Amino acid sequence: MQGTRVDIRPAAVPDVIADGRALPFRDDAFEAVFLDPPYAVEYAQSFYGVEYPRPSHLLKEACRVVQPGGVIGILHYLIPMPPVGAKLVRVVGITQGLGYRIRAWTLYRKEQRGLFQ
């Protein structure tokens, strides 16, 4: 499987260093986008050294760069509302095991553009 890894932290050794709220890619560039952002304000500040990126802002930008019909997935404690132009497909609970918090793997699909739009 091939992909482009994006992270704001150079130490993560991503393919592209960028903020997920302002991706340096053209519209409709990818078939799928998967997000695993910081889950809390404290986590964003202590681990990433950035302000907390609201999931809705990350999803809006992901929707911009994914192709019509493409998939957007986010792993988070929240189940965000779909971004404009996308529909909720499925939510699956994910856990590491007993004693761990459950997270949600939420999938969206970007709507196709109509012929006459």
PDB file of N, CA and C in Angstrom:
ATOM      1  N   MET A   1       0.841  -1.175   0.000  1.00  0.00           N
ATOM      2  CA  MET A   1       0.000   0.000   0.000  1.00  0.00           C
ATOM      3  C   MET A   1       0.885   1.237   0.000  1.00  0.00           C
ATOM      4  N   GLN A   2       0.569   2.170  -0.859  1.00  0.00           N
ATOM      5  CA  GLN A   2       1.353   3.380  -0.977  1.00  0.00           C
ATOM      6  C   GLN A   2       0.522   4.553  -0.497  1.00  0.00           C
ATOM      7  N   GLY A   3       1.156   5.542   0.085  1.00  0.00           N
ATOM      8  CA  GLY A   3       0.437   6.704   0.570  1.00  0.00           C
ATOM      9  C   GLY A   3       1.393   7.842   0.858  1.00  0.00           C
ATOM     10  N   THR A   4       0.823   8.946   1.286  1.00  0.00           N
ATOM     11  CA  THR A   4       1.574  10.132   1.648  1.00  0.00           C
ATOM     12  C   THR A   4       1.290  10.432   3.113  1.00  0.00           C
ATOM     13  N   ARG A   5       2.299  10.287   3.959  1.00  0.00           N
ATOM     14  CA  ARG A   5       2.136  10.553   5.384  1.00  0.00           C
ATOM     15  C   ARG A   5       2.401  12.019   5.667  1.00  0.00           C
ATOM     16  N   VAL A   6       1.452  12.651   6.360  1.00  0.00           N
ATOM     17  CA  VAL A   6       1.555  14.068   6.700  1.00  0.00           C
ATOM     18  C   VAL A   6       1.547  14.192   8.216  1.00  0.00           C
ATOM     19  N   ASP A   7       2.453  14.993   8.745  1.00  0.00           N
ATOM     20  CA  ASP A   7       2.480  15.265  10.188  1.00  0.00           C
ATOM     21  C   ASP A   7       3.071  16.652  10.372  1.00  0.00           C
ATOM     22  N   ILE A   8       2.685  17.289  11.454  1.00  0.00           N
ATOM     23  CA  ILE A   8       3.213  18.626  11.743  1.00  0.00           C
ATOM     24  C   ILE A   8       4.587  18.550  12.411  1.00  0.00           C
ATOM     25  N   ARG A   9       4.928  17.354  12.918  1.00  0.00           N
ATOM     26  CA  ARG A   9       6.182  17.166  13.647  1.00  0.00           C
ATOM     27  C   ARG A   9       7.263  16.559  12.749  1.00  0.00           C
ATOM     28  N   PRO A  10       8.364  17.256  12.537  1.00  0.00           N
ATOM     29  CA  PRO A  10       9.462  16.670  11.765  1.00  0.00           C
ATOM     30  C   PRO A  10       9.981  15.366  12.384  1.00  0.00           C
ATOM     31  N   ALA A  11       9.919  15.244  13.704  1.00  0.00           N
ATOM     32  CA  ALA A  11      10.422  14.044  14.381  1.00  0.00           C
ATOM     33  C   ALA A  11       9.651  12.789  13.979  1.00  0.00           C
ATOM     34  N   ALA A  12       8.434  12.940  13.478  1.00  0.00           N
ATOM     35  CA  ALA A  12       7.634  11.798  13.026  1.00  0.00           C
ATOM     36  C   ALA A  12       8.110  11.287  11.665  1.00  0.00           C
ATOM     37  N   VAL A  13       9.007  12.027  11.025  1.00  0.00           N
ATOM     38  CA  VAL A  13       9.566  11.704   9.713  1.00  0.00           C
ATOM     39  C   VAL A  13       8.448  11.444   8.681  1.00  0.00           C
ATOM     40  N   PRO A  14       7.561  12.429   8.509  1.00  0.00           N
ATOM     41  CA  PRO A  14       6.499  12.269   7.508  1.00  0.00           C
ATOM     42  C   PRO A  14       7.034  12.530   6.107  1.00  0.00           C
ATOM     43  N   ASP A  15       6.227  12.186   5.112  1.00  0.00           N
ATOM     44  CA  ASP A  15       6.571  12.526   3.730  1.00  0.00           C
ATOM     45  C   ASP A  15       6.428  14.028   3.506  1.00  0.00           C
ATOM     46  N   VAL A  16       5.439  14.623   4.185  1.00  0.00           N
ATOM     47  CA  VAL A  16       5.157  16.059   4.072  1.00  0.00           C
ATOM     48  C   VAL A  16       4.938  16.612   5.476  1.00  0.00           C
ATOM     49  N   ILE A  17       5.626  17.698   5.819  1.00  0.00           N
ATOM     50  CA  ILE A  17       5.414  18.370   7.098  1.00  0.00           C
ATOM     51  C   ILE A  17       4.371  19.458   6.856  1.00  0.00           C
ATOM     52  N   ALA A  18       3.206  19.304   7.498  1.00  0.00           N
ATOM     53  CA  ALA A  18       2.134  20.283   7.298  1.00  0.00           C
ATOM     54  C   ALA A  18       1.103  20.159   8.409  1.00  0.00           C
ATOM     55  N   ASP A  19       0.352  21.208   8.586  1.00  0.00           N
ATOM     56  CA  ASP A  19      -0.775  21.241   9.509  1.00  0.00           C
ATOM     57  C   ASP A  19      -1.978  20.645   8.779  1.00  0.00           C
ATOM     58  N   GLY A  20      -2.670  19.720   9.406  1.00  0.00           N
ATOM     59  CA  GLY A  20      -3.823  19.077   8.784  1.00  0.00           C
ATOM     60  C   GLY A  20      -4.977  20.005   8.499  1.00  0.00           C
ATOM     61  N   ARG A  21      -4.919  21.229   9.015  1.00  0.00           N
ATOM     62  CA  ARG A  21      -5.974  22.216   8.754  1.00  0.00           C
ATOM     63  C   ARG A  21      -5.675  23.061   7.521  1.00  0.00           C
ATOM     64  N   ALA A  22      -4.477  22.904   6.953  1.00  0.00           N
ATOM     65  CA  ALA A  22      -4.065  23.664   5.763  1.00  0.00           C
ATOM     66  C   ALA A  22      -3.106  22.794   4.956  1.00  0.00           C
ATOM     67  N   LEU A  23      -3.629  21.793   4.293  1.00  0.00           N
ATOM     68  CA  LEU A  23      -2.804  20.844   3.559  1.00  0.00           C
ATOM     69  C   LEU A  23      -2.283  21.441   2.254  1.00  0.00           C
ATOM     70  N   PRO A  24      -1.028  21.157   1.899  1.00  0.00           N
ATOM     71  CA  PRO A  24      -0.432  21.730   0.691  1.00  0.00           C
ATOM     72  C   PRO A  24      -0.717  20.897  -0.560  1.00  0.00           C
ATOM     73  N   PHE A  25      -1.952  20.465  -0.717  1.00  0.00           N
ATOM     74  CA  PHE A  25      -2.335  19.634  -1.848  1.00  0.00           C
ATOM     75  C   PHE A  25      -3.500  20.280  -2.590  1.00  0.00           C
ATOM     76  N   ARG A  26      -3.612  19.953  -3.866  1.00  0.00           N
ATOM     77  CA  ARG A  26      -4.709  20.483  -4.678  1.00  0.00           C
ATOM     78  C   ARG A  26      -6.028  19.816  -4.268  1.00  0.00           C
ATOM     79  N   ASP A  27      -7.118  20.406  -4.643  1.00  0.00           N
ATOM     80  CA  ASP A  27      -8.436  19.817  -4.423  1.00  0.00           C
ATOM     81  C   ASP A  27      -8.507  18.470  -5.140  1.00  0.00           C
ATOM     82  N   ASP A  28      -9.221  17.519  -4.535  1.00  0.00           N
ATOM     83  CA  ASP A  28      -9.490  16.208  -5.150  1.00  0.00           C
ATOM     84  C   ASP A  28      -8.215  15.422  -5.482  1.00  0.00           C
ATOM     85  N   ALA A  29      -7.169  15.562  -4.678  1.00  0.00           N
ATOM     86  CA  ALA A  29      -5.879  14.944  -4.982  1.00  0.00           C
ATOM     87  C   ALA A  29      -5.781  13.461  -4.595  1.00  0.00           C
ATOM     88  N   PHE A  30      -6.584  13.006  -3.622  1.00  0.00           N
ATOM     89  CA  PHE A  30      -6.404  11.661  -3.082  1.00  0.00           C
ATOM     90  C   PHE A  30      -7.692  10.843  -3.137  1.00  0.00           C
ATOM     91  N   GLU A  31      -7.547   9.529  -3.219  1.00  0.00           N
ATOM     92  CA  GLU A  31      -8.695   8.615  -3.181  1.00  0.00           C
ATOM     93  C   GLU A  31      -9.233   8.462  -1.767  1.00  0.00           C
ATOM     94  N   ALA A  32      -8.354   8.608  -0.784  1.00  0.00           N
ATOM     95  CA  ALA A  32      -8.748   8.449   0.614  1.00  0.00           C
ATOM     96  C   ALA A  32      -7.837   9.298   1.498  1.00  0.00           C
ATOM     97  N   VAL A  33      -8.381   9.713   2.639  1.00  0.00           N
ATOM     98  CA  VAL A  33      -7.616  10.443   3.646  1.00  0.00           C
ATOM     99  C   VAL A  33      -7.968   9.842   4.997  1.00  0.00           C
ATOM    100  N   PHE A  34      -6.947   9.503   5.781  1.00  0.00           N
ATOM    101  CA  PHE A  34      -7.161   8.946   7.110  1.00  0.00           C
ATOM    102  C   PHE A  34      -6.503   9.856   8.136  1.00  0.00           C
ATOM    103  N   LEU A  35      -7.237  10.206   9.177  1.00  0.00           N
ATOM    104  CA  LEU A  35      -6.786  11.147  10.197  1.00  0.00           C
ATOM    105  C   LEU A  35      -6.660  10.466  11.552  1.00  0.00           C
ATOM    106  N   ASP A  36      -5.575  10.752  12.254  1.00  0.00           N
ATOM    107  CA  ASP A  36      -5.374  10.290  13.630  1.00  0.00           C
ATOM    108  C   ASP A  36      -4.807  11.473  14.418  1.00  0.00           C
ATOM    109  N   PRO A  37      -5.671  12.454  14.703  1.00  0.00           N
ATOM    110  CA  PRO A  37      -5.200  13.680  15.343  1.00  0.00           C
ATOM    111  C   PRO A  37      -5.055  13.524  16.861  1.00  0.00           C
ATOM    112  N   PRO A  38      -4.474  14.542  17.520  1.00  0.00           N
ATOM    113  CA  PRO A  38      -4.458  14.536  18.986  1.00  0.00           C
ATOM    114  C   PRO A  38      -5.899  14.522  19.501  1.00  0.00           C
ATOM    115  N   TYR A  39      -6.126  13.787  20.595  1.00  0.00           N
ATOM    116  CA  TYR A  39      -7.481  13.602  21.096  1.00  0.00           C
ATOM    117  C   TYR A  39      -7.914  14.639  22.120  1.00  0.00           C
ATOM    118  N   ALA A  40      -6.988  15.456  22.625  1.00  0.00           N
ATOM    119  CA  ALA A  40      -7.318  16.418  23.662  1.00  0.00           C
ATOM    120  C   ALA A  40      -6.398  17.631  23.559  1.00  0.00           C
ATOM    121  N   VAL A  41      -6.830  18.727  24.175  1.00  0.00           N
ATOM    122  CA  VAL A  41      -6.057  19.965  24.180  1.00  0.00           C
ATOM    123  C   VAL A  41      -4.663  19.712  24.777  1.00  0.00           C
ATOM    124  N   GLU A  42      -4.624  19.029  25.911  1.00  0.00           N
ATOM    125  CA  GLU A  42      -3.348  18.770  26.582  1.00  0.00           C
ATOM    126  C   GLU A  42      -2.416  17.922  25.723  1.00  0.00           C
ATOM    127  N   TYR A  43      -2.960  16.934  25.043  1.00  0.00           N
ATOM    128  CA  TYR A  43      -2.179  16.056  24.181  1.00  0.00           C
ATOM    129  C   TYR A  43      -1.594  16.855  23.011  1.00  0.00           C
ATOM    130  N   ALA A  44      -2.400  17.736  22.432  1.00  0.00           N
ATOM    131  CA  ALA A  44      -1.925  18.564  21.313  1.00  0.00           C
ATOM    132  C   ALA A  44      -0.777  19.462  21.768  1.00  0.00           C
ATOM    133  N   GLN A  45      -0.931  20.045  22.939  1.00  0.00           N
ATOM    134  CA  GLN A  45       0.089  20.972  23.432  1.00  0.00           C
ATOM    135  C   GLN A  45       1.362  20.251  23.868  1.00  0.00           C
ATOM    136  N   SER A  46       1.224  19.162  24.636  1.00  0.00           N
ATOM    137  CA  SER A  46       2.417  18.506  25.181  1.00  0.00           C
ATOM    138  C   SER A  46       3.144  17.643  24.153  1.00  0.00           C
ATOM    139  N   PHE A  47       2.407  16.950  23.292  1.00  0.00           N
ATOM    140  CA  PHE A  47       3.043  16.039  22.346  1.00  0.00           C
ATOM    141  C   PHE A  47       3.412  16.723  21.026  1.00  0.00           C
ATOM    142  N   TYR A  48       2.500  17.564  20.528  1.00  0.00           N
ATOM    143  CA  TYR A  48       2.726  18.205  19.234  1.00  0.00           C
ATOM    144  C   TYR A  48       3.228  19.643  19.342  1.00  0.00           C
ATOM    145  N   GLY A  49       2.999  20.282  20.497  1.00  0.00           N
ATOM    146  CA  GLY A  49       3.402  21.680  20.649  1.00  0.00           C
ATOM    147  C   GLY A  49       2.551  22.627  19.822  1.00  0.00           C
ATOM    148  N   VAL A  50       1.286  22.254  19.598  1.00  0.00           N
ATOM    149  CA  VAL A  50       0.377  23.084  18.803  1.00  0.00           C
ATOM    150  C   VAL A  50      -0.954  23.234  19.538  1.00  0.00           C
ATOM    151  N   GLU A  51      -1.755  24.181  19.075  1.00  0.00           N
ATOM    152  CA  GLU A  51      -3.106  24.287  19.627  1.00  0.00           C
ATOM    153  C   GLU A  51      -3.929  23.102  19.128  1.00  0.00           C
ATOM    154  N   TYR A  52      -4.935  22.753  19.880  1.00  0.00           N
ATOM    155  CA  TYR A  52      -5.783  21.603  19.559  1.00  0.00           C
ATOM    156  C   TYR A  52      -6.476  21.799  18.212  1.00  0.00           C
ATOM    157  N   PRO A  53      -6.260  20.885  17.265  1.00  0.00           N
ATOM    158  CA  PRO A  53      -6.940  20.994  15.970  1.00  0.00           C
ATOM    159  C   PRO A  53      -8.342  20.379  16.078  1.00  0.00           C
ATOM    160  N   ARG A  54      -9.353  21.200  15.976  1.00  0.00           N
ATOM    161  CA  ARG A  54     -10.719  20.688  16.079  1.00  0.00           C
ATOM    162  C   ARG A  54     -10.971  19.681  14.959  1.00  0.00           C
ATOM    163  N   PRO A  55     -11.548  18.535  15.310  1.00  0.00           N
ATOM    164  CA  PRO A  55     -11.821  17.516  14.285  1.00  0.00           C
ATOM    165  C   PRO A  55     -12.624  18.061  13.100  1.00  0.00           C
ATOM    166  N   SER A  56     -13.546  18.970  13.344  1.00  0.00           N
ATOM    167  CA  SER A  56     -14.344  19.524  12.243  1.00  0.00           C
ATOM    168  C   SER A  56     -13.474  20.278  11.246  1.00  0.00           C
ATOM    169  N   HIS A  57     -12.438  20.951  11.724  1.00  0.00           N
ATOM    170  CA  HIS A  57     -11.528  21.679  10.822  1.00  0.00           C
ATOM    171  C   HIS A  57     -10.674  20.702  10.005  1.00  0.00           C
ATOM    172  N   LEU A  58     -10.217  19.633  10.660  1.00  0.00           N
ATOM    173  CA  LEU A  58      -9.433  18.616   9.958  1.00  0.00           C
ATOM    174  C   LEU A  58     -10.280  17.907   8.896  1.00  0.00           C
ATOM    175  N   LEU A  59     -11.529  17.604   9.249  1.00  0.00           N
ATOM    176  CA  LEU A  59     -12.413  16.922   8.297  1.00  0.00           C
ATOM    177  C   LEU A  59     -12.747  17.811   7.095  1.00  0.00           C
ATOM    178  N   LYS A  60     -12.941  19.082   7.338  1.00  0.00           N
ATOM    179  CA  LYS A  60     -13.226  20.013   6.230  1.00  0.00           C
ATOM    180  C   LYS A  60     -12.078  20.024   5.227  1.00  0.00           C
ATOM    181  N   GLU A  61     -10.862  20.075   5.735  1.00  0.00           N
ATOM    182  CA  GLU A  61      -9.692  20.092   4.851  1.00  0.00           C
ATOM    183  C   GLU A  61      -9.497  18.740   4.172  1.00  0.00           C
ATOM    184  N   ALA A  62      -9.748  17.659   4.896  1.00  0.00           N
ATOM    185  CA  ALA A  62      -9.656  16.325   4.292  1.00  0.00           C
ATOM    186  C   ALA A  62     -10.666  16.181   3.160  1.00  0.00           C
ATOM    187  N   CYS A  63     -11.864  16.705   3.357  1.00  0.00           N
ATOM    188  CA  CYS A  63     -12.899  16.644   2.323  1.00  0.00           C
ATOM    189  C   CYS A  63     -12.476  17.429   1.076  1.00  0.00           C
ATOM    190  N   ARG A  64     -11.752  18.503   1.275  1.00  0.00           N
ATOM    191  CA  ARG A  64     -11.277  19.304   0.141  1.00  0.00           C
ATOM    192  C   ARG A  64     -10.311  18.506  -0.723  1.00  0.00           C
ATOM    193  N   VAL A  65      -9.387  17.748  -0.091  1.00  0.00           N
ATOM    194  CA  VAL A  65      -8.333  17.083  -0.858  1.00  0.00           C
ATOM    195  C   VAL A  65      -8.693  15.672  -1.312  1.00  0.00           C
ATOM    196  N   VAL A  66      -9.824  15.119  -0.857  1.00  0.00           N
ATOM    197  CA  VAL A  66     -10.224  13.785  -1.304  1.00  0.00           C
ATOM    198  C   VAL A  66     -11.112  13.910  -2.548  1.00  0.00           C
ATOM    199  N   GLN A  67     -10.996  12.950  -3.430  1.00  0.00           N
ATOM    200  CA  GLN A  67     -11.763  12.942  -4.678  1.00  0.00           C
ATOM    201  C   GLN A  67     -13.240  12.681  -4.407  1.00  0.00           C
ATOM    202  N   PRO A  68     -14.127  13.156  -5.289  1.00  0.00           N
ATOM    203  CA  PRO A  68     -15.540  12.787  -5.162  1.00  0.00           C
ATOM    204  C   PRO A  68     -15.677  11.259  -5.149  1.00  0.00           C
ATOM    205  N   GLY A  69     -16.453  10.749  -4.206  1.00  0.00           N
ATOM    206  CA  GLY A  69     -16.591   9.310  -4.029  1.00  0.00           C
ATOM    207  C   GLY A  69     -15.520   8.718  -3.130  1.00  0.00           C
ATOM    208  N   GLY A  70     -14.523   9.534  -2.750  1.00  0.00           N
ATOM    209  CA  GLY A  70     -13.434   9.071  -1.908  1.00  0.00           C
ATOM    210  C   GLY A  70     -13.847   8.945  -0.452  1.00  0.00           C
ATOM    211  N   VAL A  71     -13.000   8.276   0.320  1.00  0.00           N
ATOM    212  CA  VAL A  71     -13.275   7.969   1.723  1.00  0.00           C
ATOM    213  C   VAL A  71     -12.419   8.834   2.634  1.00  0.00           C
ATOM    214  N   ILE A  72     -13.026   9.280   3.731  1.00  0.00           N
ATOM    215  CA  ILE A  72     -12.326  10.005   4.789  1.00  0.00           C
ATOM    216  C   ILE A  72     -12.552   9.226   6.079  1.00  0.00           C
ATOM    217  N   GLY A  73     -11.486   8.894   6.779  1.00  0.00           N
ATOM    218  CA  GLY A  73     -11.596   8.201   8.056  1.00  0.00           C
ATOM    219  C   GLY A  73     -10.901   8.985   9.141  1.00  0.00           C
ATOM    220  N   ILE A  74     -11.495   8.988  10.341  1.00  0.00           N
ATOM    221  CA  ILE A  74     -10.873   9.673  11.477  1.00  0.00           C
ATOM    222  C   ILE A  74     -10.966   8.773  12.706  1.00  0.00           C
ATOM    223  N   LEU A  75      -9.844   8.640  13.415  1.00  0.00           N
ATOM    224  CA  LEU A  75      -9.795   7.906  14.666  1.00  0.00           C
ATOM    225  C   LEU A  75      -9.774   8.930  15.789  1.00  0.00           C
ATOM    226  N   HIS A  76     -10.799   8.902  16.642  1.00  0.00           N
ATOM    227  CA  HIS A  76     -10.930   9.930  17.679  1.00  0.00           C
ATOM    228  C   HIS A  76     -11.907   9.457  18.740  1.00  0.00           C
ATOM    229  N   TYR A  77     -11.910  10.131  19.887  1.00  0.00           N
ATOM    230  CA  TYR A  77     -12.912   9.837  20.913  1.00  0.00           C
ATOM    231  C   TYR A  77     -14.267  10.430  20.520  1.00  0.00           C
ATOM    232  N   LEU A  78     -14.237  11.482  19.718  1.00  0.00           N
ATOM    233  CA  LEU A  78     -15.461  12.123  19.249  1.00  0.00           C
ATOM    234  C   LEU A  78     -15.924  11.478  17.953  1.00  0.00           C
ATOM    235  N   ILE A  79     -17.210  11.592  17.673  1.00  0.00           N
ATOM    236  CA  ILE A  79     -17.758  11.196  16.378  1.00  0.00           C
ATOM    237  C   ILE A  79     -18.271  12.489  15.746  1.00  0.00           C
ATOM    238  N   PRO A  80     -17.426  13.147  14.947  1.00  0.00           N
ATOM    239  CA  PRO A  80     -17.784  14.453  14.401  1.00  0.00           C
ATOM    240  C   PRO A  80     -18.903  14.364  13.361  1.00  0.00           C
ATOM    241  N   MET A  81     -19.636  15.445  13.247  1.00  0.00           N
ATOM    242  CA  MET A  81     -20.628  15.566  12.176  1.00  0.00           C
ATOM    243  C   MET A  81     -19.882  15.518  10.844  1.00  0.00           C
ATOM    244  N   PRO A  82     -20.520  14.991   9.802  1.00  0.00           N
ATOM    245  CA  PRO A  82     -19.847  14.953   8.492  1.00  0.00           C
ATOM    246  C   PRO A  82     -19.548  16.364   7.994  1.00  0.00           C
ATOM    247  N   PRO A  83     -18.421  16.537   7.327  1.00  0.00           N
ATOM    248  CA  PRO A  83     -18.149  17.842   6.729  1.00  0.00           C
ATOM    249  C   PRO A  83     -19.125  18.090   5.578  1.00  0.00           C
ATOM    250  N   VAL A  84     -19.312  19.338   5.238  1.00  0.00           N
ATOM    251  CA  VAL A  84     -20.176  19.682   4.109  1.00  0.00           C
ATOM    252  C   VAL A  84     -19.657  18.974   2.868  1.00  0.00           C
ATOM    253  N   GLY A  85     -20.537  18.303   2.154  1.00  0.00           N
ATOM    254  CA  GLY A  85     -20.147  17.585   0.946  1.00  0.00           C
ATOM    255  C   GLY A  85     -19.810  16.129   1.180  1.00  0.00           C
ATOM    256  N   ALA A  86     -20.013  15.648   2.414  1.00  0.00           N
ATOM    257  CA  ALA A  86     -19.718  14.242   2.728  1.00  0.00           C
ATOM    258  C   ALA A  86     -20.861  13.647   3.539  1.00  0.00           C
ATOM    259  N   LYS A  87     -20.943  12.343   3.509  1.00  0.00           N
ATOM    260  CA  LYS A  87     -21.965  11.595   4.246  1.00  0.00           C
ATOM    261  C   LYS A  87     -21.294  10.593   5.168  1.00  0.00           C
ATOM    262  N   LEU A  88     -21.909  10.368   6.334  1.00  0.00           N
ATOM    263  CA  LEU A  88     -21.435   9.350   7.260  1.00  0.00           C
ATOM    264  C   LEU A  88     -21.672   7.976   6.659  1.00  0.00           C
ATOM    265  N   VAL A  89     -20.657   7.121   6.709  1.00  0.00           N
ATOM    266  CA  VAL A  89     -20.765   5.757   6.194  1.00  0.00           C
ATOM    267  C   VAL A  89     -20.886   4.763   7.340  1.00  0.00           C
ATOM    268  N   ARG A  90     -19.980   4.881   8.332  1.00  0.00           N
ATOM    269  CA  ARG A  90     -19.960   3.875   9.391  1.00  0.00           C
ATOM    270  C   ARG A  90     -19.121   4.368  10.569  1.00  0.00           C
ATOM    271  N   VAL A  91     -19.471   3.889  11.756  1.00  0.00           N
ATOM    272  CA  VAL A  91     -18.691   4.146  12.966  1.00  0.00           C
ATOM    273  C   VAL A  91     -18.393   2.795  13.608  1.00  0.00           C
ATOM    274  N   VAL A  92     -17.118   2.555  13.934  1.00  0.00           N
ATOM    275  CA  VAL A  92     -16.692   1.305  14.550  1.00  0.00           C
ATOM    276  C   VAL A  92     -15.896   1.643  15.808  1.00  0.00           C
ATOM    277  N   GLY A  93     -16.197   0.972  16.920  1.00  0.00           N
ATOM    278  CA  GLY A  93     -15.437   1.170  18.146  1.00  0.00           C
ATOM    279  C   GLY A  93     -14.112   0.435  18.083  1.00  0.00           C
ATOM    280  N   ILE A  94     -13.046   1.089  18.535  1.00  0.00           N
ATOM    281  CA  ILE A  94     -11.692   0.522  18.521  1.00  0.00           C
ATOM    282  C   ILE A  94     -11.135   0.617  19.939  1.00  0.00           C
ATOM    283  N   THR A  95     -10.556  -0.459  20.451  1.00  0.00           N
ATOM    284  CA  THR A  95      -9.908  -0.431  21.755  1.00  0.00           C
ATOM    285  C   THR A  95      -8.641  -1.262  21.724  1.00  0.00           C
ATOM    286  N   GLN A  96      -7.731  -0.945  22.634  1.00  0.00           N
ATOM    287  CA  GLN A  96      -6.501  -1.722  22.776  1.00  0.00           C
ATOM    288  C   GLN A  96      -6.706  -2.895  23.733  1.00  0.00           C
ATOM    289  N   GLY A  97      -7.828  -2.916  24.431  1.00  0.00           N
ATOM    290  CA  GLY A  97      -8.105  -4.008  25.352  1.00  0.00           C
ATOM    291  C   GLY A  97      -8.706  -3.511  26.647  1.00  0.00           C
ATOM    292  N   LEU A  98      -8.788  -4.395  27.608  1.00  0.00           N
ATOM    293  CA  LEU A  98      -9.387  -4.064  28.901  1.00  0.00           C
ATOM    294  C   LEU A  98      -8.636  -2.919  29.574  1.00  0.00           C
ATOM    295  N   GLY A  99      -9.408  -2.013  30.163  1.00  0.00           N
ATOM    296  CA  GLY A  99      -8.808  -0.894  30.877  1.00  0.00           C
ATOM    297  C   GLY A  99      -8.438   0.294  30.011  1.00  0.00           C
ATOM    298  N   TYR A 100      -8.636   0.189  28.721  1.00  0.00           N
ATOM    299  CA  TYR A 100      -8.324   1.292  27.811  1.00  0.00           C
ATOM    300  C   TYR A 100      -9.613   1.981  27.361  1.00  0.00           C
ATOM    301  N   ARG A 101      -9.502   3.254  27.041  1.00  0.00           N
ATOM    302  CA  ARG A 101     -10.642   3.981  26.495  1.00  0.00           C
ATOM    303  C   ARG A 101     -10.941   3.480  25.090  1.00  0.00           C
ATOM    304  N   ILE A 102     -12.201   3.534  24.748  1.00  0.00           N
ATOM    305  CA  ILE A 102     -12.592   3.162  23.394  1.00  0.00           C
ATOM    306  C   ILE A 102     -12.525   4.409  22.512  1.00  0.00           C
ATOM    307  N   ARG A 103     -12.099   4.220  21.300  1.00  0.00           N
ATOM    308  CA  ARG A 103     -12.087   5.295  20.305  1.00  0.00           C
ATOM    309  C   ARG A 103     -13.007   4.888  19.170  1.00  0.00           C
ATOM    310  N   ALA A 104     -13.388   5.840  18.383  1.00  0.00           N
ATOM    311  CA  ALA A 104     -14.274   5.570  17.249  1.00  0.00           C
ATOM    312  C   ALA A 104     -13.498   5.739  15.947  1.00  0.00           C
ATOM    313  N   TRP A 105     -13.627   4.763  15.071  1.00  0.00           N
ATOM    314  CA  TRP A 105     -13.121   4.869  13.697  1.00  0.00           C
ATOM    315  C   TRP A 105     -14.339   5.248  12.870  1.00  0.00           C
ATOM    316  N   THR A 106     -14.390   6.511  12.461  1.00  0.00           N
ATOM    317  CA  THR A 106     -15.552   7.044  11.757  1.00  0.00           C
ATOM    318  C   THR A 106     -15.200   7.248  10.291  1.00  0.00           C
ATOM    319  N   LEU A 107     -16.028   6.705   9.414  1.00  0.00           N
ATOM    320  CA  LEU A 107     -15.799   6.801   7.972  1.00  0.00           C
ATOM    321  C   LEU A 107     -16.868   7.656   7.313  1.00  0.00           C
ATOM    322  N   TYR A 108     -16.412   8.485   6.398  1.00  0.00           N
ATOM    323  CA  TYR A 108     -17.287   9.344   5.597  1.00  0.00           C
ATOM    324  C   TYR A 108     -16.961   9.095   4.132  1.00  0.00           C
ATOM    325  N   ARG A 109     -17.888   9.435   3.261  1.00  0.00           N
ATOM    326  CA  ARG A 109     -17.635   9.374   1.818  1.00  0.00           C
ATOM    327  C   ARG A 109     -17.988  10.730   1.224  1.00  0.00           C
ATOM    328  N   LYS A 110     -17.056  11.269   0.447  1.00  0.00           N
ATOM    329  CA  LYS A 110     -17.306  12.542  -0.227  1.00  0.00           C
ATOM    330  C   LYS A 110     -18.322  12.310  -1.329  1.00  0.00           C
ATOM    331  N   GLU A 111     -19.294  13.180  -1.387  1.00  0.00           N
ATOM    332  CA  GLU A 111     -20.359  13.014  -2.371  1.00  0.00           C
ATOM    333  C   GLU A 111     -19.830  13.246  -3.781  1.00  0.00           C
ATOM    334  N   GLN A 112     -20.444  12.508  -4.723  1.00  0.00           N
ATOM    335  CA  GLN A 112     -20.124  12.700  -6.135  1.00  0.00           C
ATOM    336  C   GLN A 112     -20.706  14.027  -6.597  1.00  0.00           C
ATOM    337  N   ARG A 113     -20.079  14.626  -7.539  1.00  0.00           N
ATOM    338  CA  ARG A 113     -20.616  15.856  -8.131  1.00  0.00           C
ATOM    339  C   ARG A 113     -21.602  15.465  -9.223  1.00  0.00           C
ATOM    340  N   GLY A 114     -22.700  16.182  -9.292  1.00  0.00           N
ATOM    341  CA  GLY A 114     -23.692  15.917 -10.325  1.00  0.00           C
ATOM    342  C   GLY A 114     -23.201  16.343 -11.700  1.00  0.00           C
ATOM    343  N   LEU A 115     -23.802  15.832 -12.732  1.00  0.00           N
ATOM    344  CA  LEU A 115     -23.417  16.170 -14.109  1.00  0.00           C
ATOM    345  C   LEU A 115     -23.627  17.636 -14.440  1.00  0.00           C
ATOM    346  N   PHE A 116     -24.609  18.247 -13.796  1.00  0.00           N
ATOM    347  CA  PHE A 116     -24.968  19.608 -14.170  1.00  0.00           C
ATOM    348  C   PHE A 116     -24.617  20.629 -13.106  1.00  0.00           C
ATOM    349  N   GLN A 117     -23.701  20.305 -12.216  1.00  0.00           N
ATOM    350  CA  GLN A 117     -23.282  21.261 -11.188  1.00  0.00           C
ATOM    351  C   GLN A 117     -22.157  22.108 -11.708  1.00  0.00           C
TER     352      GLN A 117
END
